[in-house]
Amino acid sequence: MSKSIYALINQLRFNSKAGSELQRRLSGRVDTGLKGFNGEKILYSLTDEIKEYLEYINKNADSIKKADIMEIVMNDSYASATIEGAKTTIEEVRKASNAQNPNKSEKMVLNTVAGNQYAIENGVSKDNIRTLWEIIVKDVCENESIKGTLYRDGEVYVGREDAVIHF
């Protein structure tokens, strides 16, 4: 795996060879068209490793079936919802997708699947981020008091009784 630009900048203090690699990377950065939190452009360096991945994706994109995409969405949704506290299995969620009354954990995953499908079909923008959020938290939101009008109005913490893991 390639060293990060930050690692190269650090290495430059001790190794002049890092300067040519850093210069090559900075000159070859590609604009993703996305903006960061402060409006800055999000760029990436087109490394040999990334070129290989892009070639692989382009070569194999047509062979991915809709069922494979749905499996990827389900696995991603499951992982995301379990980070947020869902306690279930993918198998239970599959069964719950046809049930009338899924439990809260199953609903968290199913909502995330629906949110992923919405994002795939509509993209994600400032204009629809609230709709996406409402799909994902429907009937499972534990932070109603800070939901705000477009973005939440307060902080949300991920953690345990004895430690905050993320805020």
N, C-alpha and C. Protein backbone atom coordinates (compact mmCIF):
# COMPACT_ATOMS: atom_id res chain seq x y z
N MET A 1 0.83 -1.17 0.00
CA MET A 1 0.00 0.00 0.00
C MET A 1 0.88 1.24 0.00
N SER A 2 0.48 2.25 -0.74
CA SER A 2 1.24 3.49 -0.86
C SER A 2 1.20 4.27 0.44
N LYS A 3 2.27 5.03 0.67
CA LYS A 3 2.29 5.91 1.84
C LYS A 3 1.36 7.09 1.58
N SER A 4 0.77 7.60 2.64
CA SER A 4 -0.10 8.77 2.50
C SER A 4 0.75 10.00 2.21
N ILE A 5 0.09 11.03 1.71
CA ILE A 5 0.78 12.30 1.46
C ILE A 5 1.34 12.85 2.77
N TYR A 6 0.58 12.69 3.85
CA TYR A 6 1.06 13.17 5.14
C TYR A 6 2.31 12.43 5.59
N ALA A 7 2.37 11.13 5.31
CA ALA A 7 3.56 10.35 5.66
C ALA A 7 4.75 10.82 4.82
N LEU A 8 4.51 11.13 3.54
CA LEU A 8 5.59 11.62 2.69
C LEU A 8 6.09 13.00 3.15
N ILE A 9 5.17 13.85 3.56
CA ILE A 9 5.57 15.17 4.06
C ILE A 9 6.44 15.01 5.31
N ASN A 10 6.06 14.11 6.18
CA ASN A 10 6.85 13.81 7.38
C ASN A 10 8.22 13.25 7.00
N GLN A 11 8.21 12.34 6.05
CA GLN A 11 9.45 11.68 5.63
C GLN A 11 10.40 12.66 4.94
N LEU A 12 9.85 13.68 4.32
CA LEU A 12 10.65 14.66 3.59
C LEU A 12 11.70 15.34 4.47
N ARG A 13 11.39 15.45 5.76
CA ARG A 13 12.35 16.07 6.67
C ARG A 13 13.64 15.26 6.80
N PHE A 14 13.56 13.95 6.54
CA PHE A 14 14.71 13.07 6.74
C PHE A 14 15.22 12.46 5.44
N ASN A 15 14.44 12.55 4.36
CA ASN A 15 14.79 11.81 3.15
C ASN A 15 14.39 12.64 1.93
N SER A 16 15.37 13.10 1.17
CA SER A 16 15.08 13.95 0.02
C SER A 16 14.37 13.18 -1.09
N LYS A 17 14.49 11.86 -1.12
CA LYS A 17 13.80 11.06 -2.14
C LYS A 17 12.28 11.15 -1.99
N ALA A 18 11.82 11.39 -0.79
CA ALA A 18 10.38 11.53 -0.56
C ALA A 18 9.82 12.75 -1.29
N GLY A 19 10.66 13.77 -1.53
CA GLY A 19 10.23 14.99 -2.21
C GLY A 19 9.75 14.73 -3.62
N SER A 20 10.46 13.90 -4.37
CA SER A 20 10.03 13.63 -5.75
C SER A 20 8.74 12.83 -5.79
N GLU A 21 8.58 11.89 -4.87
CA GLU A 21 7.33 11.13 -4.80
C GLU A 21 6.18 12.04 -4.38
N LEU A 22 6.42 12.91 -3.42
CA LEU A 22 5.40 13.85 -2.97
C LEU A 22 4.98 14.77 -4.12
N GLN A 23 5.97 15.30 -4.84
CA GLN A 23 5.67 16.18 -5.97
C GLN A 23 4.86 15.46 -7.05
N ARG A 24 5.23 14.21 -7.34
CA ARG A 24 4.52 13.42 -8.34
C ARG A 24 3.06 13.22 -7.92
N ARG A 25 2.85 12.91 -6.65
CA ARG A 25 1.50 12.69 -6.14
C ARG A 25 0.66 13.95 -6.16
N LEU A 26 1.26 15.07 -5.71
CA LEU A 26 0.50 16.31 -5.66
C LEU A 26 0.13 16.79 -7.06
N SER A 27 1.00 16.57 -8.03
CA SER A 27 0.70 17.01 -9.39
C SER A 27 -0.32 16.11 -10.07
N GLY A 28 -0.47 14.89 -9.60
CA GLY A 28 -1.38 13.96 -10.25
C GLY A 28 -2.71 13.77 -9.51
N ARG A 29 -3.06 14.73 -8.65
CA ARG A 29 -4.30 14.56 -7.89
C ARG A 29 -5.52 14.79 -8.79
N VAL A 30 -6.58 14.06 -8.48
CA VAL A 30 -7.80 14.10 -9.27
C VAL A 30 -8.92 14.65 -8.40
N ASP A 31 -9.69 15.56 -8.97
CA ASP A 31 -10.82 16.16 -8.26
C ASP A 31 -12.00 15.20 -8.32
N THR A 32 -12.57 14.86 -7.18
CA THR A 32 -13.72 13.94 -7.14
C THR A 32 -15.03 14.65 -7.46
N GLY A 33 -15.02 15.97 -7.45
CA GLY A 33 -16.26 16.71 -7.63
C GLY A 33 -17.02 16.89 -6.32
N LEU A 34 -16.48 16.34 -5.24
CA LEU A 34 -17.12 16.43 -3.93
C LEU A 34 -16.47 17.56 -3.14
N LYS A 35 -17.19 18.03 -2.14
CA LYS A 35 -16.68 19.09 -1.27
C LYS A 35 -16.60 18.57 0.16
N GLY A 36 -15.61 19.03 0.90
CA GLY A 36 -15.46 18.67 2.30
C GLY A 36 -16.37 19.53 3.17
N PHE A 37 -16.31 19.32 4.49
CA PHE A 37 -17.15 20.04 5.43
C PHE A 37 -16.97 21.55 5.34
N ASN A 38 -15.78 22.01 4.99
CA ASN A 38 -15.51 23.44 4.92
C ASN A 38 -15.54 23.96 3.49
N GLY A 39 -16.12 23.18 2.59
CA GLY A 39 -16.23 23.60 1.19
C GLY A 39 -15.00 23.32 0.36
N GLU A 40 -13.98 22.70 0.95
CA GLU A 40 -12.76 22.43 0.21
C GLU A 40 -12.97 21.25 -0.76
N LYS A 41 -12.23 21.26 -1.86
CA LYS A 41 -12.33 20.16 -2.82
C LYS A 41 -11.77 18.88 -2.20
N ILE A 42 -12.39 17.76 -2.52
CA ILE A 42 -11.87 16.47 -2.09
C ILE A 42 -11.14 15.88 -3.28
N LEU A 43 -9.85 15.66 -3.10
CA LEU A 43 -8.97 15.17 -4.16
C LEU A 43 -8.39 13.83 -3.77
N TYR A 44 -7.92 13.09 -4.74
CA TYR A 44 -7.17 11.87 -4.43
C TYR A 44 -6.02 11.73 -5.41
N SER A 45 -5.01 11.01 -4.99
CA SER A 45 -3.85 10.75 -5.84
C SER A 45 -4.09 9.44 -6.57
N LEU A 46 -3.96 9.48 -7.87
CA LEU A 46 -4.20 8.30 -8.68
C LEU A 46 -2.93 7.42 -8.65
N THR A 47 -2.83 6.60 -7.61
CA THR A 47 -1.67 5.73 -7.44
C THR A 47 -1.83 4.48 -8.31
N ASP A 48 -0.76 3.73 -8.45
CA ASP A 48 -0.83 2.48 -9.21
C ASP A 48 -1.85 1.53 -8.59
N GLU A 49 -1.90 1.52 -7.27
CA GLU A 49 -2.86 0.66 -6.57
C GLU A 49 -4.29 1.05 -6.91
N ILE A 50 -4.59 2.35 -6.91
CA ILE A 50 -5.94 2.81 -7.25
C ILE A 50 -6.24 2.51 -8.71
N LYS A 51 -5.26 2.70 -9.60
CA LYS A 51 -5.45 2.39 -11.03
C LYS A 51 -5.83 0.91 -11.20
N GLU A 52 -5.14 0.04 -10.47
CA GLU A 52 -5.46 -1.40 -10.55
C GLU A 52 -6.89 -1.67 -10.11
N TYR A 53 -7.31 -1.06 -8.99
CA TYR A 53 -8.69 -1.24 -8.51
C TYR A 53 -9.69 -0.72 -9.54
N LEU A 54 -9.43 0.45 -10.10
CA LEU A 54 -10.35 1.02 -11.09
C LEU A 54 -10.44 0.13 -12.33
N GLU A 55 -9.31 -0.39 -12.78
CA GLU A 55 -9.32 -1.31 -13.93
C GLU A 55 -10.13 -2.56 -13.61
N TYR A 56 -9.95 -3.10 -12.41
CA TYR A 56 -10.69 -4.29 -11.99
C TYR A 56 -12.20 -4.00 -11.96
N ILE A 57 -12.56 -2.86 -11.38
CA ILE A 57 -13.98 -2.50 -11.31
C ILE A 57 -14.56 -2.34 -12.71
N ASN A 58 -13.87 -1.60 -13.58
CA ASN A 58 -14.38 -1.39 -14.93
C ASN A 58 -14.49 -2.70 -15.71
N LYS A 59 -13.54 -3.58 -15.50
CA LYS A 59 -13.55 -4.87 -16.20
C LYS A 59 -14.68 -5.77 -15.72
N ASN A 60 -15.02 -5.69 -14.42
CA ASN A 60 -15.99 -6.61 -13.84
C ASN A 60 -17.37 -6.00 -13.54
N ALA A 61 -17.55 -4.72 -13.79
CA ALA A 61 -18.80 -4.05 -13.42
C ALA A 61 -20.02 -4.71 -14.07
N ASP A 62 -19.92 -5.11 -15.31
CA ASP A 62 -21.07 -5.70 -16.01
C ASP A 62 -21.44 -7.07 -15.47
N SER A 63 -20.51 -7.74 -14.81
CA SER A 63 -20.79 -9.09 -14.31
C SER A 63 -21.50 -9.08 -12.96
N ILE A 64 -21.62 -7.91 -12.35
CA ILE A 64 -22.30 -7.83 -11.05
C ILE A 64 -23.80 -7.84 -11.31
N LYS A 65 -24.47 -8.80 -10.72
CA LYS A 65 -25.92 -8.94 -10.89
C LYS A 65 -26.65 -8.12 -9.84
N LYS A 66 -27.90 -7.81 -10.13
CA LYS A 66 -28.71 -7.05 -9.18
C LYS A 66 -28.76 -7.76 -7.83
N ALA A 67 -28.81 -9.09 -7.83
CA ALA A 67 -28.84 -9.84 -6.56
C ALA A 67 -27.55 -9.60 -5.78
N ASP A 68 -26.42 -9.50 -6.47
CA ASP A 68 -25.16 -9.23 -5.80
C ASP A 68 -25.18 -7.84 -5.17
N ILE A 69 -25.74 -6.88 -5.90
CA ILE A 69 -25.83 -5.51 -5.37
C ILE A 69 -26.70 -5.50 -4.12
N MET A 70 -27.82 -6.20 -4.15
CA MET A 70 -28.70 -6.24 -2.98
C MET A 70 -28.00 -6.91 -1.79
N GLU A 71 -27.19 -7.91 -2.06
CA GLU A 71 -26.43 -8.56 -0.99
C GLU A 71 -25.40 -7.59 -0.39
N ILE A 72 -24.77 -6.82 -1.25
CA ILE A 72 -23.81 -5.81 -0.79
C ILE A 72 -24.53 -4.77 0.06
N VAL A 73 -25.68 -4.30 -0.42
CA VAL A 73 -26.46 -3.31 0.33
C VAL A 73 -26.89 -3.87 1.67
N MET A 74 -27.33 -5.13 1.69
CA MET A 74 -27.76 -5.76 2.95
C MET A 74 -26.58 -5.85 3.92
N ASN A 75 -25.43 -6.31 3.46
CA ASN A 75 -24.27 -6.44 4.35
C ASN A 75 -23.80 -5.08 4.87
N ASP A 76 -23.79 -4.07 3.99
CA ASP A 76 -23.40 -2.74 4.40
C ASP A 76 -24.40 -2.17 5.41
N SER A 77 -25.68 -2.36 5.15
CA SER A 77 -26.73 -1.86 6.04
C SER A 77 -26.65 -2.55 7.40
N TYR A 78 -26.42 -3.85 7.37
CA TYR A 78 -26.29 -4.61 8.61
C TYR A 78 -25.11 -4.07 9.44
N ALA A 79 -23.97 -3.89 8.79
CA ALA A 79 -22.79 -3.40 9.50
C ALA A 79 -23.05 -2.01 10.08
N SER A 80 -23.65 -1.14 9.29
CA SER A 80 -23.94 0.22 9.74
C SER A 80 -24.90 0.22 10.93
N ALA A 81 -25.97 -0.55 10.83
CA ALA A 81 -26.97 -0.58 11.91
C ALA A 81 -26.41 -1.21 13.18
N THR A 82 -25.55 -2.22 13.05
CA THR A 82 -24.98 -2.83 14.26
C THR A 82 -24.02 -1.86 14.95
N ILE A 83 -23.34 -1.01 14.19
CA ILE A 83 -22.51 0.03 14.80
C ILE A 83 -23.38 0.96 15.64
N GLU A 84 -24.60 1.20 15.16
CA GLU A 84 -25.53 2.08 15.86
C GLU A 84 -26.29 1.37 16.98
N GLY A 85 -26.03 0.07 17.17
CA GLY A 85 -26.62 -0.62 18.30
C GLY A 85 -27.61 -1.73 17.98
N ALA A 86 -27.87 -1.99 16.71
CA ALA A 86 -28.79 -3.09 16.36
C ALA A 86 -28.18 -4.41 16.82
N LYS A 87 -29.01 -5.25 17.40
CA LYS A 87 -28.56 -6.56 17.89
C LYS A 87 -29.39 -7.63 17.19
N THR A 88 -28.89 -8.08 16.05
CA THR A 88 -29.59 -9.07 15.25
C THR A 88 -28.58 -9.76 14.34
N THR A 89 -29.06 -10.63 13.49
CA THR A 89 -28.20 -11.28 12.50
C THR A 89 -28.76 -10.97 11.12
N ILE A 90 -27.95 -11.14 10.10
CA ILE A 90 -28.42 -10.91 8.74
C ILE A 90 -29.55 -11.87 8.41
N GLU A 91 -29.45 -13.09 8.88
CA GLU A 91 -30.51 -14.07 8.62
C GLU A 91 -31.84 -13.64 9.24
N GLU A 92 -31.80 -13.13 10.47
CA GLU A 92 -33.02 -12.63 11.10
C GLU A 92 -33.60 -11.44 10.34
N VAL A 93 -32.73 -10.59 9.81
CA VAL A 93 -33.19 -9.44 9.04
C VAL A 93 -33.84 -9.90 7.74
N ARG A 94 -33.25 -10.89 7.09
CA ARG A 94 -33.85 -11.41 5.85
C ARG A 94 -35.27 -11.91 6.12
N LYS A 95 -35.44 -12.64 7.22
CA LYS A 95 -36.76 -13.14 7.58
C LYS A 95 -37.69 -11.96 7.92
N ALA A 96 -37.17 -10.97 8.61
CA ALA A 96 -37.97 -9.83 9.04
C ALA A 96 -38.42 -8.98 7.85
N SER A 97 -37.69 -9.03 6.73
CA SER A 97 -38.07 -8.20 5.58
C SER A 97 -39.44 -8.61 5.04
N ASN A 98 -39.88 -9.82 5.34
CA ASN A 98 -41.20 -10.28 4.92
C ASN A 98 -42.20 -10.31 6.07
N ALA A 99 -41.75 -9.97 7.27
CA ALA A 99 -42.63 -10.01 8.45
C ALA A 99 -43.37 -8.68 8.59
N GLN A 100 -44.49 -8.72 9.30
CA GLN A 100 -45.27 -7.50 9.50
C GLN A 100 -44.77 -6.65 10.65
N ASN A 101 -44.18 -7.26 11.65
CA ASN A 101 -43.74 -6.51 12.83
C ASN A 101 -42.28 -6.83 13.18
N PRO A 102 -41.32 -6.30 12.42
CA PRO A 102 -39.92 -6.55 12.79
C PRO A 102 -39.61 -5.86 14.10
N ASN A 103 -38.68 -6.44 14.87
CA ASN A 103 -38.29 -5.79 16.12
C ASN A 103 -37.41 -4.57 15.80
N LYS A 104 -37.07 -3.80 16.82
CA LYS A 104 -36.34 -2.54 16.62
C LYS A 104 -35.00 -2.77 15.91
N SER A 105 -34.25 -3.78 16.31
CA SER A 105 -32.94 -4.03 15.68
C SER A 105 -33.10 -4.40 14.22
N GLU A 106 -34.06 -5.23 13.93
CA GLU A 106 -34.31 -5.62 12.53
C GLU A 106 -34.75 -4.39 11.73
N LYS A 107 -35.59 -3.56 12.33
CA LYS A 107 -36.08 -2.35 11.66
C LYS A 107 -34.92 -1.40 11.38
N MET A 108 -33.96 -1.32 12.29
CA MET A 108 -32.79 -0.47 12.06
C MET A 108 -32.06 -0.89 10.79
N VAL A 109 -31.89 -2.19 10.60
CA VAL A 109 -31.20 -2.67 9.41
C VAL A 109 -32.07 -2.46 8.17
N LEU A 110 -33.35 -2.79 8.26
CA LEU A 110 -34.26 -2.62 7.12
C LEU A 110 -34.37 -1.15 6.72
N ASN A 111 -34.40 -0.26 7.69
CA ASN A 111 -34.42 1.17 7.37
C ASN A 111 -33.14 1.59 6.66
N THR A 112 -32.01 1.05 7.10
CA THR A 112 -30.74 1.39 6.47
C THR A 112 -30.70 0.85 5.05
N VAL A 113 -31.25 -0.34 4.82
CA VAL A 113 -31.36 -0.87 3.46
C VAL A 113 -32.19 0.10 2.61
N ALA A 114 -33.33 0.52 3.13
CA ALA A 114 -34.19 1.46 2.40
C ALA A 114 -33.46 2.78 2.15
N GLY A 115 -32.70 3.24 3.12
CA GLY A 115 -31.92 4.47 2.96
C GLY A 115 -30.85 4.31 1.89
N ASN A 116 -30.17 3.16 1.89
CA ASN A 116 -29.16 2.90 0.86
C ASN A 116 -29.80 2.88 -0.53
N GLN A 117 -30.95 2.23 -0.64
CA GLN A 117 -31.64 2.16 -1.93
C GLN A 117 -32.07 3.56 -2.38
N TYR A 118 -32.55 4.36 -1.44
CA TYR A 118 -32.93 5.73 -1.76
C TYR A 118 -31.71 6.51 -2.27
N ALA A 119 -30.58 6.36 -1.59
CA ALA A 119 -29.36 7.08 -1.99
C ALA A 119 -28.86 6.61 -3.35
N ILE A 120 -28.96 5.31 -3.62
CA ILE A 120 -28.54 4.79 -4.92
C ILE A 120 -29.41 5.38 -6.03
N GLU A 121 -30.70 5.46 -5.78
CA GLU A 121 -31.64 5.96 -6.80
C GLU A 121 -31.63 7.48 -6.95
N ASN A 122 -31.39 8.20 -5.84
CA ASN A 122 -31.54 9.66 -5.85
C ASN A 122 -30.26 10.43 -5.59
N GLY A 123 -29.19 9.73 -5.22
CA GLY A 123 -27.99 10.42 -4.82
C GLY A 123 -28.18 11.01 -3.43
N VAL A 124 -27.16 11.69 -2.94
CA VAL A 124 -27.23 12.35 -1.64
C VAL A 124 -26.87 13.81 -1.87
N SER A 125 -27.74 14.70 -1.44
CA SER A 125 -27.50 16.13 -1.59
C SER A 125 -28.09 16.87 -0.40
N LYS A 126 -27.78 18.14 -0.32
CA LYS A 126 -28.34 18.96 0.75
C LYS A 126 -29.87 18.97 0.67
N ASP A 127 -30.39 18.85 -0.55
CA ASP A 127 -31.84 18.89 -0.74
C ASP A 127 -32.57 17.65 -0.26
N ASN A 128 -31.88 16.51 -0.20
CA ASN A 128 -32.59 15.29 0.21
C ASN A 128 -31.99 14.60 1.43
N ILE A 129 -31.01 15.22 2.07
CA ILE A 129 -30.37 14.58 3.23
C ILE A 129 -31.37 14.35 4.36
N ARG A 130 -32.30 15.27 4.54
CA ARG A 130 -33.30 15.12 5.61
C ARG A 130 -34.22 13.93 5.31
N THR A 131 -34.65 13.80 4.05
CA THR A 131 -35.49 12.67 3.66
C THR A 131 -34.75 11.36 3.92
N LEU A 132 -33.49 11.32 3.55
CA LEU A 132 -32.68 10.12 3.77
C LEU A 132 -32.61 9.80 5.27
N TRP A 133 -32.37 10.79 6.09
CA TRP A 133 -32.30 10.60 7.54
C TRP A 133 -33.62 10.06 8.07
N GLU A 134 -34.74 10.63 7.60
CA GLU A 134 -36.06 10.19 8.07
C GLU A 134 -36.33 8.73 7.70
N ILE A 135 -35.87 8.32 6.53
CA ILE A 135 -36.02 6.90 6.13
C ILE A 135 -35.24 6.00 7.08
N ILE A 136 -34.02 6.39 7.39
CA ILE A 136 -33.14 5.54 8.20
C ILE A 136 -33.60 5.45 9.65
N VAL A 137 -34.14 6.53 10.21
CA VAL A 137 -34.49 6.51 11.63
C VAL A 137 -35.98 6.28 11.91
N LYS A 138 -36.76 6.02 10.87
CA LYS A 138 -38.21 5.84 11.06
C LYS A 138 -38.49 4.76 12.11
N ASP A 139 -39.21 5.13 13.15
CA ASP A 139 -39.63 4.26 14.25
C ASP A 139 -38.49 3.70 15.11
N VAL A 140 -37.26 4.20 14.94
CA VAL A 140 -36.14 3.71 15.76
C VAL A 140 -35.29 4.84 16.34
N CYS A 141 -35.62 6.08 16.06
CA CYS A 141 -34.80 7.21 16.50
C CYS A 141 -34.82 7.33 18.02
N GLU A 142 -33.63 7.41 18.61
CA GLU A 142 -33.51 7.56 20.05
C GLU A 142 -33.13 8.99 20.42
N ASN A 143 -33.03 9.86 19.43
CA ASN A 143 -32.57 11.22 19.66
C ASN A 143 -33.57 12.25 19.15
N GLU A 144 -34.85 11.98 19.34
CA GLU A 144 -35.90 12.88 18.84
C GLU A 144 -35.71 14.32 19.33
N SER A 145 -35.21 14.49 20.53
CA SER A 145 -35.12 15.82 21.11
C SER A 145 -34.11 16.72 20.41
N ILE A 146 -33.20 16.15 19.62
CA ILE A 146 -32.18 16.97 18.95
C ILE A 146 -32.23 16.82 17.43
N LYS A 147 -33.35 16.36 16.90
CA LYS A 147 -33.40 16.06 15.47
C LYS A 147 -33.30 17.29 14.58
N GLY A 148 -33.64 18.48 15.05
CA GLY A 148 -33.51 19.69 14.26
C GLY A 148 -34.45 19.72 13.07
N THR A 149 -34.25 20.70 12.19
CA THR A 149 -35.11 20.82 11.01
C THR A 149 -34.43 20.29 9.76
N LEU A 150 -33.15 20.53 9.60
CA LEU A 150 -32.40 19.97 8.47
C LEU A 150 -31.31 19.04 8.99
N TYR A 151 -30.51 19.53 9.93
CA TYR A 151 -29.48 18.73 10.59
C TYR A 151 -29.81 18.69 12.07
N ARG A 152 -29.24 17.72 12.79
CA ARG A 152 -29.54 17.64 14.21
C ARG A 152 -29.01 18.87 14.94
N ASP A 153 -29.68 19.20 16.03
CA ASP A 153 -29.36 20.40 16.80
C ASP A 153 -28.45 20.13 17.99
N GLY A 154 -28.06 18.93 18.23
CA GLY A 154 -27.22 18.61 19.38
C GLY A 154 -26.26 17.50 19.05
N GLU A 155 -25.46 17.14 20.02
CA GLU A 155 -24.46 16.09 19.82
C GLU A 155 -25.05 14.72 20.12
N VAL A 156 -24.57 13.74 19.39
CA VAL A 156 -24.94 12.35 19.60
C VAL A 156 -23.65 11.59 19.88
N TYR A 157 -23.69 10.75 20.90
CA TYR A 157 -22.51 9.99 21.29
C TYR A 157 -22.72 8.52 21.01
N VAL A 158 -21.66 7.85 20.58
CA VAL A 158 -21.67 6.40 20.46
C VAL A 158 -20.75 5.91 21.57
N GLY A 159 -21.23 4.97 22.37
CA GLY A 159 -20.39 4.50 23.45
C GLY A 159 -21.08 3.49 24.33
N ARG A 160 -20.48 3.28 25.48
CA ARG A 160 -21.01 2.37 26.50
C ARG A 160 -21.25 3.18 27.75
N GLU A 161 -21.75 2.51 28.75
CA GLU A 161 -22.00 3.21 30.01
C GLU A 161 -20.71 3.81 30.59
N ASP A 162 -19.58 3.14 30.33
CA ASP A 162 -18.32 3.57 30.94
C ASP A 162 -17.38 4.32 30.01
N ALA A 163 -17.75 4.50 28.72
CA ALA A 163 -16.84 5.18 27.82
C ALA A 163 -17.56 5.70 26.57
N VAL A 164 -17.15 6.90 26.15
CA VAL A 164 -17.63 7.45 24.88
C VAL A 164 -16.65 6.99 23.80
N ILE A 165 -17.16 6.37 22.75
CA ILE A 165 -16.29 5.86 21.69
C ILE A 165 -16.20 6.87 20.56
N HIS A 166 -17.31 7.53 20.26
CA HIS A 166 -17.33 8.48 19.15
C HIS A 166 -18.38 9.54 19.43
N PHE A 167 -18.08 10.80 19.09
CA PHE A 167 -19.09 11.86 19.19
C PHE A 167 -18.90 12.84 18.06
